[in-house]
Amino acid sequence: MCADVIEVLQPRDAGVYVDGTFGAGGYTRAILAAAHCRVIAIDRDPDAVREGKRLAQEYPERLCMAEGPFADMAELIKAGSVSSVDGVVLDIGVSSMQIDDAGRGFSFMNDGPLDMRMDQGRGDTTQSAADVVNTEPETKLSRIIKILGDERRSRQIARAIVEARRAAPIETTGALAAIVEKAMGPAARAQRIHPATRTFQALRMYVNDELEQLARALMAAETILNPGGRLVVVAFHSLEDRLVKRFFQARTTRPSRPSRHMPEPPDSGPEPTFEILTSGARKPGDEEVAANPRARSARLRAGERTAAPTYPATLADFGIAAL
C-alpha cells in the first residue's frame, strides 16, 4: 500500500520523517522521492540496516539508518540529533525479504532452522522459536497459539508439539509444520491456507514480542510528532489492527459527559492528541492484491497530531493479554 501511505503521509520539503519498519526500503524510497525531505529509517534486522546504508549513499544527508526496535524510535532519533519529526510510518509484520529467506525460519514453505528472530539474536530477542517449542509448558504453548494465532485447535497442536519433542528436539520449520499438519487432521489439510500458518504466525509474534513493541511504538510516535505531523500504520493481523484502532480511538476522543443536558465539567480529561485521517481502515485495491497477494490482509489507519500534550498510557490500555 505504498501509494496509499504516501498519499496520507503527504511528505513535504524540509520535513523529517521516520520509517519505523525499513525492510527492503520501499516506503523510504517513496518518501524521499515525494519531497526534498529527510528520513530516519529504523529496523531491527541487521541485514536490512546493512542494505539501507547502501541506499543512504544515494541520498547523502537525507537518509539516516538506525538499528533497533521501532518501539525505541524516540531514543534512536535523538542519537541522530533529532527530537521531533513530521511523520511516522509503520508497516507491521514480516518483510518479503525475511519470509523468502529459508535461513531465517519465518516460513515453512522452504525448510530451514526454526529461528524467527527479527534481530537475528543480536538485540533483545534471545529466545528463538525453537527455544519456545522445545521448552515452554504445554499450557503456555496452547495460549500462545490460541491468542496470537487465533487457532481453535491450539490445545491439540500444543499437545502434539510436546509429544514430538520428547522423542527429539524440534529444530526446523519443516519438522514443526509436519507436526502441526498431522495434529490438525485431514480436514484441515483441505483448507485454503496451510494448517501450520496460524501456529507459525503466533510463534513469530511471541518471539519478537510484536504486540508490546507495537503499543510502545505508537506511544513513542505520539511523543515525537510535531503538531500537524502524521502517523500512518499498516497492519496485516487482526490483533495488530485492533490495537492500532484502539490507540487512535483513545487518542481522538474525550470522556463523554454523563448527560447531554449537563454542562461539560471544567476538567473533562486530556485533550485529543490525534485527529483521525481515515474513516475506518483503508484496504488495498484489487489491482494491488493481484500484483502482490501478500497485501490482501493489509489495513491502513492514520492520524494527524494535534498540539495537545501527551499523557501516560499502559500496555493494559491496549488490551494486550498476558501470556
Protein backbone atom coordinates (compact mmCIF):
# COMPACT_ATOMS: atom_id res chain seq x y z
CA MET A 1 0.00 0.00 0.00
CA CYS A 2 2.91 2.31 -0.69
CA ALA A 3 0.91 4.76 -2.81
CA ASP A 4 -1.79 5.00 -0.12
CA VAL A 5 0.81 5.59 2.58
CA ILE A 6 2.41 8.46 0.66
CA GLU A 7 -1.00 9.96 -0.14
CA VAL A 8 -1.93 10.05 3.54
CA LEU A 9 1.52 10.97 4.88
CA GLN A 10 1.88 13.94 2.47
CA PRO A 11 5.67 14.39 2.73
CA ARG A 12 6.81 17.97 2.30
CA ASP A 13 10.11 19.66 1.52
CA ALA A 14 12.36 20.18 4.56
CA GLY A 15 10.28 17.74 6.60
CA VAL A 16 11.74 14.95 8.74
CA TYR A 17 10.12 11.51 8.65
CA VAL A 18 10.59 8.17 10.40
CA ASP A 19 10.20 4.90 8.53
CA GLY A 20 9.96 2.64 11.55
CA THR A 21 9.97 -0.58 9.54
CA PHE A 22 12.56 -0.12 6.78
CA GLY A 23 12.55 -3.71 5.48
CA ALA A 24 13.53 -3.57 1.82
CA GLY A 25 13.24 0.23 1.78
CA GLY A 26 10.06 0.65 -0.26
CA TYR A 27 8.46 3.34 1.91
CA THR A 28 11.74 5.16 2.48
CA ARG A 29 12.40 5.41 -1.26
CA ALA A 30 8.86 6.67 -1.87
CA ILE A 31 9.08 9.32 0.88
CA LEU A 32 12.44 10.58 -0.40
CA ALA A 33 11.05 10.71 -3.95
CA ALA A 34 7.90 12.57 -2.88
CA ALA A 35 9.68 15.57 -1.35
CA HIS A 36 13.12 17.00 -0.65
CA CYS A 37 12.99 15.80 2.94
CA ARG A 38 14.97 13.70 5.42
CA VAL A 39 14.17 10.15 6.52
CA ILE A 40 15.36 8.30 9.60
CA ALA A 41 14.85 4.62 8.77
CA ILE A 42 14.71 2.05 11.58
CA ASP A 43 14.93 -1.73 11.51
CA ARG A 44 15.71 -4.49 14.00
CA ASP A 45 17.21 -6.65 11.27
CA PRO A 46 20.97 -6.11 10.79
CA ASP A 47 20.67 -7.29 7.17
CA ALA A 48 18.06 -4.61 6.41
CA VAL A 49 20.18 -1.92 8.04
CA ARG A 50 23.23 -3.00 6.05
CA GLU A 51 21.28 -2.76 2.78
CA GLY A 52 19.82 0.56 3.89
CA LYS A 53 23.26 2.06 4.34
CA ARG A 54 23.90 1.37 0.66
CA LEU A 55 20.70 3.25 -0.18
CA ALA A 56 21.83 6.10 2.07
CA GLN A 57 24.77 6.67 -0.28
CA GLU A 58 22.23 7.62 -2.97
CA TYR A 59 20.71 10.24 -0.66
CA PRO A 60 23.61 11.91 1.17
CA GLU A 61 22.46 13.81 4.26
CA ARG A 62 18.84 12.87 3.54
CA LEU A 63 18.73 9.26 4.78
CA CYS A 64 19.97 8.02 8.13
CA MET A 65 19.78 4.34 9.14
CA ALA A 66 19.24 3.28 12.76
CA GLU A 67 19.37 -0.30 14.04
CA GLY A 68 16.93 -1.22 16.79
CA PRO A 69 13.25 -1.88 17.55
CA PHE A 70 10.81 0.78 16.41
CA ALA A 71 9.49 0.93 19.98
CA ASP A 72 12.72 2.79 20.77
CA MET A 73 12.29 5.36 17.99
CA ALA A 74 12.39 8.34 20.38
CA GLU A 75 15.84 7.31 21.62
CA LEU A 76 17.03 6.28 18.15
CA ILE A 77 16.23 9.63 16.53
CA LYS A 78 17.85 11.51 19.41
CA ALA A 79 21.07 9.65 18.62
CA GLY A 80 20.89 11.43 15.26
CA SER A 81 20.35 14.82 16.94
CA VAL A 82 16.63 14.88 16.08
CA SER A 83 13.99 15.48 18.75
CA SER A 84 10.79 15.75 16.72
CA VAL A 85 9.51 14.74 13.28
CA ASP A 86 6.77 15.50 10.78
CA GLY A 87 5.62 11.95 10.09
CA VAL A 88 5.98 8.33 11.16
CA VAL A 89 5.25 5.27 9.02
CA LEU A 90 4.92 1.77 10.49
CA ASP A 91 4.34 -1.33 8.35
CA ILE A 92 3.74 -4.12 10.84
CA GLY A 93 4.76 -7.70 10.15
CA VAL A 94 7.47 -9.59 8.31
CA SER A 95 9.01 -8.32 5.10
CA SER A 96 9.02 -10.45 1.96
CA MET A 97 12.80 -10.41 2.18
CA GLN A 98 12.64 -12.18 5.57
CA ILE A 99 9.91 -14.62 4.57
CA ASP A 100 11.73 -15.70 1.42
CA ASP A 101 14.99 -16.40 3.27
CA ALA A 102 14.68 -20.00 4.50
CA GLY A 103 17.59 -19.46 6.85
CA ARG A 104 15.54 -17.03 8.92
CA GLY A 105 12.91 -19.63 9.80
CA PHE A 106 9.82 -17.46 9.29
CA SER A 107 8.15 -19.71 6.72
CA PHE A 108 7.51 -23.42 6.31
CA MET A 109 7.48 -23.16 2.51
CA ASN A 110 11.22 -23.97 2.48
CA ASP A 111 12.82 -25.98 5.25
CA GLY A 112 15.21 -24.08 7.48
CA PRO A 113 16.25 -23.52 11.09
CA LEU A 114 13.35 -22.69 13.41
CA ASP A 115 14.50 -19.21 14.40
CA MET A 116 12.09 -16.31 13.57
CA ARG A 117 14.08 -13.63 15.44
CA MET A 118 13.86 -10.36 13.52
CA ASP A 119 17.06 -9.09 15.11
CA GLN A 120 18.79 -12.45 14.49
CA GLY A 121 19.51 -12.72 18.21
CA ARG A 122 21.80 -9.69 18.18
CA GLY A 123 19.40 -7.43 20.08
CA ASP A 124 16.98 -8.01 22.93
CA THR A 125 15.42 -11.12 21.37
CA THR A 126 17.30 -14.02 22.92
CA GLN A 127 14.69 -16.79 22.61
CA SER A 128 14.23 -18.38 19.18
CA ALA A 129 11.10 -20.18 18.01
CA ALA A 130 12.94 -23.47 18.54
CA ASP A 131 13.60 -22.48 22.16
CA VAL A 132 9.90 -21.77 22.65
CA VAL A 133 8.54 -25.01 21.17
CA ASN A 134 11.15 -27.14 22.93
CA THR A 135 10.96 -25.64 26.43
CA GLU A 136 7.62 -23.96 27.13
CA PRO A 137 4.93 -25.96 29.00
CA GLU A 138 2.02 -27.33 27.01
CA THR A 139 -0.45 -24.91 28.61
CA LYS A 140 1.63 -21.88 27.64
CA LEU A 141 2.17 -23.14 24.08
CA SER A 142 -1.59 -23.55 23.78
CA ARG A 143 -2.21 -19.97 24.96
CA ILE A 144 0.39 -18.55 22.58
CA ILE A 145 -1.10 -20.38 19.61
CA LYS A 146 -4.69 -19.57 20.58
CA ILE A 147 -4.27 -15.88 21.42
CA LEU A 148 -1.68 -14.80 18.86
CA GLY A 149 -2.67 -17.23 16.13
CA ASP A 150 -6.42 -17.24 16.69
CA GLU A 151 -6.15 -21.01 16.32
CA ARG A 152 -9.15 -23.02 17.57
CA ARG A 153 -7.19 -26.25 17.77
CA SER A 154 -4.40 -24.80 19.85
CA ARG A 155 -4.65 -27.47 22.57
CA GLN A 156 -4.19 -30.41 20.26
CA ILE A 157 -1.34 -28.64 18.44
CA ALA A 158 0.43 -27.89 21.73
CA ARG A 159 -0.08 -31.48 22.84
CA ALA A 160 1.40 -32.79 19.58
CA ILE A 161 4.42 -30.48 19.92
CA VAL A 162 5.14 -31.67 23.45
CA GLU A 163 4.80 -35.32 22.44
CA ALA A 164 7.11 -34.85 19.46
CA ARG A 165 9.83 -33.05 21.41
CA ARG A 166 10.02 -35.94 23.88
CA ALA A 167 11.45 -38.04 21.05
CA ALA A 168 13.77 -35.36 19.63
CA PRO A 169 14.14 -31.57 19.68
CA ILE A 170 12.11 -29.72 17.04
CA GLU A 171 14.75 -27.73 15.19
CA THR A 172 13.46 -26.96 11.68
CA THR A 173 10.48 -25.25 10.12
CA GLY A 174 9.66 -28.38 8.12
CA ALA A 175 9.60 -30.55 11.24
CA LEU A 176 7.26 -28.19 13.08
CA ALA A 177 4.97 -27.77 10.06
CA ALA A 178 4.67 -31.57 9.72
CA ILE A 179 3.77 -31.92 13.43
CA VAL A 180 1.09 -29.25 13.20
CA GLU A 181 -0.30 -30.61 9.94
CA LYS A 182 -0.63 -34.10 11.41
CA ALA A 183 -2.28 -32.74 14.57
CA MET A 184 -4.83 -30.78 12.55
CA GLY A 185 -6.01 -33.84 10.61
CA PRO A 186 -7.11 -34.38 7.00
CA ALA A 187 -9.98 -31.87 7.12
CA ALA A 188 -7.59 -29.00 7.91
CA ARG A 189 -5.27 -30.04 5.08
CA ALA A 190 -8.11 -29.42 2.63
CA GLN A 191 -8.46 -25.75 3.69
CA ARG A 192 -7.24 -22.79 1.62
CA ILE A 193 -4.37 -21.93 3.97
CA HIS A 194 -1.74 -24.35 5.23
CA PRO A 195 -2.66 -25.90 8.61
CA ALA A 196 0.54 -24.53 10.19
CA THR A 197 0.01 -20.90 9.11
CA ARG A 198 -1.58 -19.66 12.33
CA THR A 199 0.86 -21.54 14.56
CA PHE A 200 3.86 -20.05 12.75
CA GLN A 201 2.30 -16.59 12.96
CA ALA A 202 1.72 -16.97 16.70
CA LEU A 203 5.28 -18.12 17.38
CA ARG A 204 6.75 -15.28 15.32
CA MET A 205 4.67 -12.69 17.17
CA TYR A 206 5.60 -14.19 20.53
CA VAL A 207 9.32 -14.50 19.83
CA ASN A 208 9.54 -10.87 18.68
CA ASP A 209 7.11 -9.51 21.30
CA GLU A 210 5.28 -7.84 18.44
CA LEU A 211 2.14 -6.59 20.19
CA GLU A 212 4.03 -4.91 23.02
CA GLN A 213 6.54 -3.48 20.56
CA LEU A 214 3.69 -2.02 18.50
CA ALA A 215 1.99 -0.49 21.54
CA ARG A 216 5.24 1.12 22.65
CA ALA A 217 5.92 2.35 19.11
CA LEU A 218 2.54 4.08 18.91
CA MET A 219 3.17 5.84 22.21
CA ALA A 220 6.68 6.80 21.08
CA ALA A 221 5.37 8.21 17.80
CA GLU A 222 2.89 10.33 19.74
CA THR A 223 5.74 11.92 21.74
CA ILE A 224 7.98 12.78 18.78
CA LEU A 225 5.43 14.05 16.23
CA ASN A 226 5.18 17.79 15.69
CA PRO A 227 1.67 19.33 15.67
CA GLY A 228 0.31 18.55 12.22
CA GLY A 229 2.63 15.57 11.90
CA ARG A 230 1.09 12.33 10.67
CA LEU A 231 1.21 8.75 11.92
CA VAL A 232 0.43 6.11 9.28
CA VAL A 233 0.19 2.44 10.27
CA VAL A 234 -0.29 -0.58 8.01
CA ALA A 235 -1.19 -3.78 9.88
CA PHE A 236 -1.69 -7.29 8.48
CA HIS A 237 -3.03 -9.13 11.52
CA SER A 238 -6.40 -8.59 13.19
CA LEU A 239 -4.85 -8.29 16.66
CA GLU A 240 -2.41 -5.62 15.45
CA ASP A 241 -5.09 -3.70 13.55
CA ARG A 242 -7.37 -3.83 16.61
CA LEU A 243 -4.57 -2.44 18.76
CA VAL A 244 -3.96 0.44 16.33
CA LYS A 245 -7.69 1.15 16.13
CA ARG A 246 -7.95 1.21 19.93
CA PHE A 247 -5.00 3.59 20.18
CA PHE A 248 -6.46 6.09 17.73
CA GLN A 249 -9.90 5.85 19.33
CA ALA A 250 -8.46 6.59 22.76
CA ARG A 251 -6.35 9.46 21.45
CA THR A 252 -9.06 11.15 19.37
CA THR A 253 -11.97 11.24 21.82
CA ARG A 254 -12.57 12.81 25.22
CA PRO A 255 -14.57 11.23 28.05
CA SER A 256 -18.27 11.80 27.42
CA ARG A 257 -20.45 13.87 29.73
CA PRO A 258 -22.87 11.95 31.98
CA SER A 259 -25.79 13.63 30.17
CA ARG A 260 -26.17 15.92 27.17
CA HIS A 261 -28.29 18.21 29.38
CA MET A 262 -25.43 18.73 31.82
CA PRO A 263 -22.67 21.26 31.18
CA GLU A 264 -19.22 19.95 30.47
CA PRO A 265 -17.21 19.81 33.69
CA PRO A 266 -14.16 22.08 33.93
CA ASP A 267 -11.77 19.12 33.85
CA SER A 268 -13.12 16.67 31.30
CA GLY A 269 -9.95 14.72 30.74
CA PRO A 270 -6.99 15.06 28.38
CA GLU A 271 -7.36 16.84 25.07
CA PRO A 272 -7.23 14.56 22.00
CA THR A 273 -3.69 14.14 20.71
CA PHE A 274 -4.74 12.99 17.22
CA GLU A 275 -7.33 13.72 14.57
CA ILE A 276 -8.38 10.68 12.54
CA LEU A 277 -7.44 10.84 8.86
CA THR A 278 -9.01 7.57 7.71
CA SER A 279 -12.65 6.62 8.07
CA GLY A 280 -12.26 3.03 9.23
CA ALA A 281 -9.36 1.06 7.81
CA ARG A 282 -8.24 1.62 4.23
CA LYS A 283 -7.77 -1.64 2.31
CA PRO A 284 -5.68 -2.45 -0.77
CA GLY A 285 -7.35 -2.35 -4.15
CA ASP A 286 -7.92 -5.37 -6.39
CA GLU A 287 -5.01 -4.46 -8.66
CA GLU A 288 -2.57 -4.32 -5.77
CA VAL A 289 -3.76 -7.65 -4.35
CA ALA A 290 -3.44 -9.23 -7.81
CA ALA A 291 0.12 -7.91 -8.11
CA ASN A 292 1.04 -8.76 -4.52
CA PRO A 293 -1.20 -11.40 -2.87
CA ARG A 294 0.54 -10.84 0.49
CA ALA A 295 -1.10 -7.39 0.60
CA ARG A 296 -4.63 -8.79 0.75
CA SER A 297 -4.88 -8.55 4.55
CA ALA A 298 -3.31 -5.08 4.84
CA ARG A 299 -5.25 -2.41 6.77
CA LEU A 300 -4.15 1.23 6.85
CA ARG A 301 -5.07 3.65 9.65
CA ALA A 302 -3.74 7.17 10.16
CA GLY A 303 -4.00 10.20 12.39
CA GLU A 304 -2.69 13.77 12.49
CA ARG A 305 -1.04 15.02 15.66
CA THR A 306 -2.72 17.90 17.47
CA ALA A 307 -0.96 20.40 19.72
CA ALA A 308 -2.32 18.71 22.87
CA PRO A 309 0.27 17.33 25.31
CA THR A 310 0.79 13.59 25.55
CA TYR A 311 -0.47 11.69 28.56
CA PRO A 312 0.55 8.37 30.10
CA ALA A 313 -0.71 5.04 28.87
CA THR A 314 -0.07 1.48 29.99
CA LEU A 315 0.05 -1.72 27.98
CA ALA A 316 -3.21 -2.72 29.69
CA ASP A 317 -4.87 0.22 27.91
CA PHE A 318 -4.20 -1.58 24.63
CA GLY A 319 -5.89 -4.78 25.79
CA ILE A 320 -2.76 -6.90 25.43
CA ALA A 321 -3.38 -10.27 27.05
CA ALA A 322 -0.68 -11.65 29.31
CA LEU A 323 0.92 -14.86 28.07
